[in-house]
Amino acid sequence: MLELKNVRKTFNPGTVNEKTALNRMNLRLEPGDFVTVIGGNGAGKSTTLNAIAGTWFVDEGTITIDGKDVTKLPEYKRAVYLGRVFQDPMTGTAASMQIEENLALAARRGQHRGLRAGITSAERDEYREKLKILDLGLEDRLTAKVGLLSGGQRQALTLLMATLKEPKILLLDEHTAALDPKTAAKVLEATERIIEKDRLTTLMITHNMKDAIAHGNRLIMMHEGHIIYDVRGEEKKALHVKDLLQKFEEASGSEFANDRVMLNK
């Protein structure tokens, strides 16, 4: 479903600020893979998601989604394949619009929009059913303005909007990092339910090692722009945080450097 082959990306080449963010990165995801991604500061985690999304072009290598080479496709053309949720709960929704209006926009993405009627009763019924999976009571608040929702509710709604069209790849860029622990757990539970229900192929960056172990069928650890550890299945389920820290030190020759990770271990 997704393949990155020998991908390289260097920022500010030829200057004192030159930084190789991706260094011959190789990654292959099968349909339905739910992969959690961890790594220290500057490991290349978000750069990987940006490379897949086409936020900028890579310097070398190829990116393939569902058998199609998208390496040279601009961001707006790749959007048809992707769903993405960012760290900031305020970025994925329109605050001045109602919940049902936000969902309607997501449902109509990529379609021709003419002078047709607004949201139908059938669509409202569908949105209510979709919202129930979040377990936040939003199915009874379809006409509420999104700006009145809490950060967690908005992020959960953003997640639902990103998956409404069942994307080929779902990209989650630390999508619970800005939430309090209780709300973050709630959003992660909803994430798990949605991914499992639709068997979505997913890459989820997280700074929380416990969450990285608890969720998904596969875990990868990045360092200096490439993958240094890749584990899945029963071996992944048996991991503990101390195991991950030890693997990082063995593979990189240095201690894990990410304050947020250490605080959440």
Protein backbone atom coordinates (compact mmCIF):
# COMPACT_ATOMS: atom_id res chain seq x y z
CA MET A 1 0.00 0.00 0.00
CA LEU A 2 2.93 2.34 0.68
CA GLU A 3 6.59 2.11 -0.25
CA LEU A 4 9.44 4.56 0.28
CA LYS A 5 12.59 3.50 -1.52
CA ASN A 6 16.00 5.16 -0.91
CA VAL A 7 14.35 8.48 -0.06
CA ARG A 8 16.66 11.39 0.73
CA LYS A 9 15.80 14.93 1.80
CA THR A 10 18.30 17.62 2.76
CA PHE A 11 17.26 21.07 3.93
CA ASN A 12 19.41 24.16 3.30
CA PRO A 13 22.01 22.27 1.22
CA GLY A 14 25.40 23.91 0.85
CA THR A 15 24.90 26.20 3.86
CA VAL A 16 26.00 26.10 7.49
CA ASN A 17 22.42 25.07 8.32
CA GLU A 18 22.49 22.00 6.05
CA LYS A 19 20.49 19.16 7.58
CA THR A 20 19.90 15.71 6.10
CA ALA A 21 16.43 14.88 7.40
CA LEU A 22 15.92 11.62 5.49
CA ASN A 23 18.96 9.50 4.69
CA ARG A 24 18.11 6.73 2.21
CA MET A 25 14.87 5.98 4.01
CA ASN A 26 13.24 2.66 3.12
CA LEU A 27 9.79 1.66 4.32
CA ARG A 28 7.10 -0.71 3.06
CA LEU A 29 3.56 -0.97 4.46
CA GLU A 30 1.13 -3.74 3.58
CA PRO A 31 -2.63 -3.03 3.37
CA GLY A 32 -4.06 -2.73 6.89
CA ASP A 33 -0.72 -2.13 8.62
CA PHE A 34 -1.03 0.19 11.64
CA VAL A 35 2.51 1.40 12.30
CA THR A 36 3.54 3.54 15.27
CA VAL A 37 6.64 5.69 14.78
CA ILE A 38 9.00 6.86 17.53
CA GLY A 39 12.39 8.55 17.55
CA GLY A 40 14.45 11.28 19.16
CA ASN A 41 14.45 14.96 18.27
CA GLY A 42 15.25 15.48 14.58
CA ALA A 43 14.99 11.76 13.77
CA GLY A 44 12.96 12.45 10.62
CA LYS A 45 9.51 11.35 11.79
CA SER A 46 7.44 14.34 10.65
CA THR A 47 9.70 14.75 7.62
CA THR A 48 8.68 11.24 6.56
CA LEU A 49 4.98 12.14 6.78
CA ASN A 50 5.60 15.37 4.86
CA ALA A 51 7.46 13.43 2.17
CA ILE A 52 4.52 11.04 1.79
CA ALA A 53 2.00 13.90 1.73
CA GLY A 54 4.02 15.86 -0.85
CA THR A 55 4.49 18.93 1.34
CA TRP A 56 7.74 19.24 -0.63
CA PHE A 57 9.53 17.01 -3.12
CA VAL A 58 12.28 14.62 -2.01
CA ASP A 59 15.81 14.95 -3.43
CA GLU A 60 16.20 11.28 -4.33
CA GLY A 61 14.23 8.05 -4.19
CA THR A 62 10.63 7.09 -4.94
CA ILE A 63 7.31 7.11 -3.08
CA THR A 64 4.58 4.70 -4.17
CA ILE A 65 0.99 4.61 -2.87
CA ASP A 66 -1.20 1.64 -3.81
CA GLY A 67 1.04 0.84 -6.77
CA LYS A 68 1.12 4.42 -8.12
CA ASP A 69 4.37 6.39 -8.19
CA VAL A 70 3.49 9.73 -6.56
CA THR A 71 7.07 11.01 -6.16
CA LYS A 72 6.54 13.92 -8.55
CA LEU A 73 2.89 14.59 -7.74
CA PRO A 74 2.16 17.89 -5.95
CA GLU A 75 0.50 17.89 -2.55
CA TYR A 76 -3.02 18.68 -3.77
CA LYS A 77 -2.98 15.71 -6.19
CA ARG A 78 -1.79 13.30 -3.49
CA ALA A 79 -4.57 14.43 -1.15
CA VAL A 80 -7.01 12.03 -2.83
CA TYR A 81 -5.01 9.11 -1.41
CA LEU A 82 -4.43 10.48 2.07
CA GLY A 83 -6.09 11.41 5.34
CA ARG A 84 -4.01 13.43 7.80
CA VAL A 85 -4.42 14.69 11.36
CA PHE A 86 -1.97 17.18 12.83
CA GLN A 87 -0.96 17.90 16.41
CA ASP A 88 -2.98 21.12 16.77
CA PRO A 89 -6.70 20.34 17.31
CA MET A 90 -7.64 23.72 15.84
CA THR A 91 -6.21 23.12 12.35
CA GLY A 92 -8.45 20.36 10.98
CA THR A 93 -11.91 21.90 11.36
CA ALA A 94 -13.78 25.12 10.50
CA ALA A 95 -14.70 26.69 13.86
CA SER A 96 -17.51 28.90 12.56
CA MET A 97 -19.32 26.01 10.88
CA GLN A 98 -21.55 23.34 12.38
CA ILE A 99 -20.42 19.76 13.03
CA GLU A 100 -22.60 18.45 10.20
CA GLU A 101 -21.27 21.13 7.83
CA ASN A 102 -17.68 20.14 8.59
CA LEU A 103 -18.53 16.49 7.93
CA ALA A 104 -20.28 17.41 4.70
CA LEU A 105 -17.18 19.22 3.48
CA ALA A 106 -15.09 16.15 4.23
CA ALA A 107 -17.60 13.85 2.52
CA ARG A 108 -17.63 16.01 -0.62
CA ARG A 109 -13.86 16.29 -0.92
CA GLY A 110 -12.77 15.72 -4.50
CA GLN A 111 -16.31 15.93 -5.87
CA HIS A 112 -17.77 18.56 -8.16
CA ARG A 113 -19.74 21.07 -6.10
CA GLY A 114 -22.65 22.73 -7.85
CA LEU A 115 -25.81 24.60 -6.85
CA ARG A 116 -27.40 21.55 -5.25
CA ALA A 117 -29.37 21.21 -2.04
CA GLY A 118 -27.58 21.27 1.29
CA ILE A 119 -27.22 18.36 3.70
CA THR A 120 -29.88 15.71 3.21
CA SER A 121 -31.64 13.78 5.97
CA ALA A 122 -29.92 10.60 4.77
CA GLU A 123 -26.55 12.30 5.16
CA ARG A 124 -27.46 13.44 8.67
CA ASP A 125 -28.36 9.87 9.61
CA GLU A 126 -25.02 8.69 8.25
CA TYR A 127 -23.12 11.38 10.18
CA ARG A 128 -24.90 10.42 13.42
CA GLU A 129 -23.84 6.80 12.97
CA LYS A 130 -20.27 7.81 12.17
CA LEU A 131 -20.09 10.12 15.20
CA LYS A 132 -21.25 7.36 17.56
CA ILE A 133 -17.95 5.55 17.10
CA LEU A 134 -16.19 8.48 18.81
CA ASP A 135 -18.22 7.90 22.00
CA LEU A 136 -18.30 11.63 22.77
CA GLY A 137 -22.01 12.36 22.40
CA LEU A 138 -21.44 14.47 19.29
CA GLU A 139 -24.09 12.55 17.36
CA ASP A 140 -26.68 14.56 19.32
CA ARG A 141 -25.01 17.91 18.52
CA LEU A 142 -24.94 17.98 14.72
CA THR A 143 -25.85 21.67 14.51
CA ALA A 144 -23.42 22.83 17.21
CA LYS A 145 -20.66 25.19 16.07
CA VAL A 146 -17.31 23.41 16.09
CA GLY A 147 -15.71 26.40 17.81
CA LEU A 148 -17.73 25.53 20.94
CA LEU A 149 -16.17 22.05 21.21
CA SER A 150 -13.25 21.13 23.46
CA GLY A 151 -9.82 20.45 21.97
CA GLY A 152 -10.31 16.72 22.33
CA GLN A 153 -13.73 16.80 20.69
CA ARG A 154 -12.36 18.84 17.79
CA GLN A 155 -9.44 16.47 17.32
CA ALA A 156 -11.77 13.46 17.35
CA LEU A 157 -13.96 15.19 14.76
CA THR A 158 -10.87 15.94 12.65
CA LEU A 159 -9.95 12.25 12.82
CA LEU A 160 -13.42 11.28 11.64
CA MET A 161 -13.28 13.81 8.79
CA ALA A 162 -9.85 12.52 7.71
CA THR A 163 -11.16 8.95 7.51
CA LEU A 164 -14.66 9.58 6.15
CA LYS A 165 -13.58 8.74 2.58
CA GLU A 166 -11.43 5.77 3.72
CA PRO A 167 -8.03 7.02 2.51
CA LYS A 168 -5.37 4.70 1.16
CA ILE A 169 -3.02 5.99 3.88
CA LEU A 170 -3.87 7.67 7.20
CA LEU A 171 -1.12 9.93 8.58
CA LEU A 172 -1.31 10.83 12.29
CA ASP A 173 1.32 13.39 13.28
CA GLU A 174 1.35 13.29 17.11
CA HIS A 175 -2.39 13.89 16.97
CA THR A 176 -2.88 13.48 20.75
CA ALA A 177 0.21 15.39 21.92
CA ALA A 178 -1.67 18.64 22.65
CA LEU A 179 -4.38 16.92 24.70
CA ASP A 180 -4.52 16.12 28.41
CA PRO A 181 -3.83 12.43 29.24
CA LYS A 182 -7.48 11.46 29.79
CA THR A 183 -8.66 13.11 26.57
CA ALA A 184 -5.67 11.74 24.64
CA ALA A 185 -6.58 8.21 25.75
CA LYS A 186 -10.17 8.76 24.58
CA VAL A 187 -9.04 9.98 21.15
CA LEU A 188 -6.61 7.05 20.84
CA GLU A 189 -9.42 4.61 21.62
CA ALA A 190 -11.52 6.20 18.85
CA THR A 191 -8.50 6.06 16.53
CA GLU A 192 -8.09 2.35 17.17
CA ARG A 193 -11.80 1.67 16.53
CA ILE A 194 -11.88 3.60 13.24
CA ILE A 195 -8.66 2.03 11.92
CA GLU A 196 -9.78 -1.47 12.86
CA LYS A 197 -13.29 -1.02 11.45
CA ASP A 198 -12.09 0.13 8.00
CA ARG A 199 -8.70 -1.68 8.06
CA LEU A 200 -6.94 1.59 7.27
CA THR A 201 -3.23 1.54 6.51
CA THR A 202 -1.84 3.96 9.07
CA LEU A 203 1.37 5.70 10.14
CA MET A 204 1.11 7.24 13.62
CA ILE A 205 3.91 9.34 15.09
CA THR A 206 3.83 9.46 18.87
CA HIS A 207 6.15 10.75 21.60
CA ASN A 208 4.60 8.32 24.08
CA MET A 209 6.44 4.98 24.08
CA LYS A 210 3.64 3.25 26.00
CA ASP A 211 1.16 4.29 23.32
CA ALA A 212 3.57 3.19 20.59
CA ILE A 213 3.68 -0.30 22.13
CA ALA A 214 -0.04 -0.52 22.95
CA HIS A 215 -1.38 0.49 19.54
CA GLY A 216 -0.89 -0.92 16.09
CA ASN A 217 0.57 -4.17 14.77
CA ARG A 218 4.04 -2.77 14.05
CA LEU A 219 6.48 -0.27 15.55
CA ILE A 220 9.42 1.47 13.90
CA MET A 221 12.11 3.58 15.53
CA MET A 222 13.89 6.29 13.57
CA HIS A 223 17.27 7.93 14.05
CA GLU A 224 19.08 10.43 11.82
CA GLY A 225 16.70 9.99 8.93
CA HIS A 226 16.38 6.22 8.68
CA ILE A 227 14.83 3.26 10.48
CA ILE A 228 17.01 1.59 13.10
CA TYR A 229 14.44 -0.79 14.59
CA ASP A 230 11.35 -2.46 13.11
CA VAL A 231 9.23 -4.87 15.16
CA ARG A 232 5.76 -6.35 14.74
CA GLY A 233 3.27 -8.93 15.96
CA GLU A 234 3.80 -10.85 19.18
CA GLU A 235 7.33 -9.52 19.56
CA LYS A 236 5.96 -5.98 19.61
CA LYS A 237 3.25 -6.84 22.15
CA ALA A 238 5.89 -8.21 24.53
CA LEU A 239 7.94 -4.99 24.52
CA HIS A 240 8.42 -2.65 27.46
CA VAL A 241 9.65 0.95 27.40
CA LYS A 242 13.01 -0.07 28.82
CA ASP A 243 13.39 -2.51 25.90
CA LEU A 244 12.88 0.32 23.41
CA LEU A 245 15.40 2.54 25.16
CA GLN A 246 17.92 -0.31 25.13
CA LYS A 247 17.30 -1.02 21.43
CA PHE A 248 17.82 2.65 20.63
CA GLU A 249 21.15 2.78 22.45
CA GLU A 250 22.31 -0.44 20.79
CA ALA A 251 21.38 0.73 17.29
CA SER A 252 22.45 4.37 17.55
CA GLY A 253 25.29 4.27 20.05
CA SER A 254 23.73 7.14 22.00
CA GLU A 255 21.03 7.80 24.58
CA PHE A 256 17.49 8.63 23.56
CA ALA A 257 17.18 12.43 23.34
CA ASN A 258 13.57 13.54 23.56
CA ASP A 259 12.31 15.14 26.76
CA ARG A 260 8.63 14.45 26.04
CA VAL A 261 9.34 10.78 25.47
CA MET A 262 11.27 10.49 28.71
CA LEU A 263 8.46 12.20 30.62
CA ASN A 264 5.95 9.73 29.21
CA LYS A 265 7.93 6.54 29.68
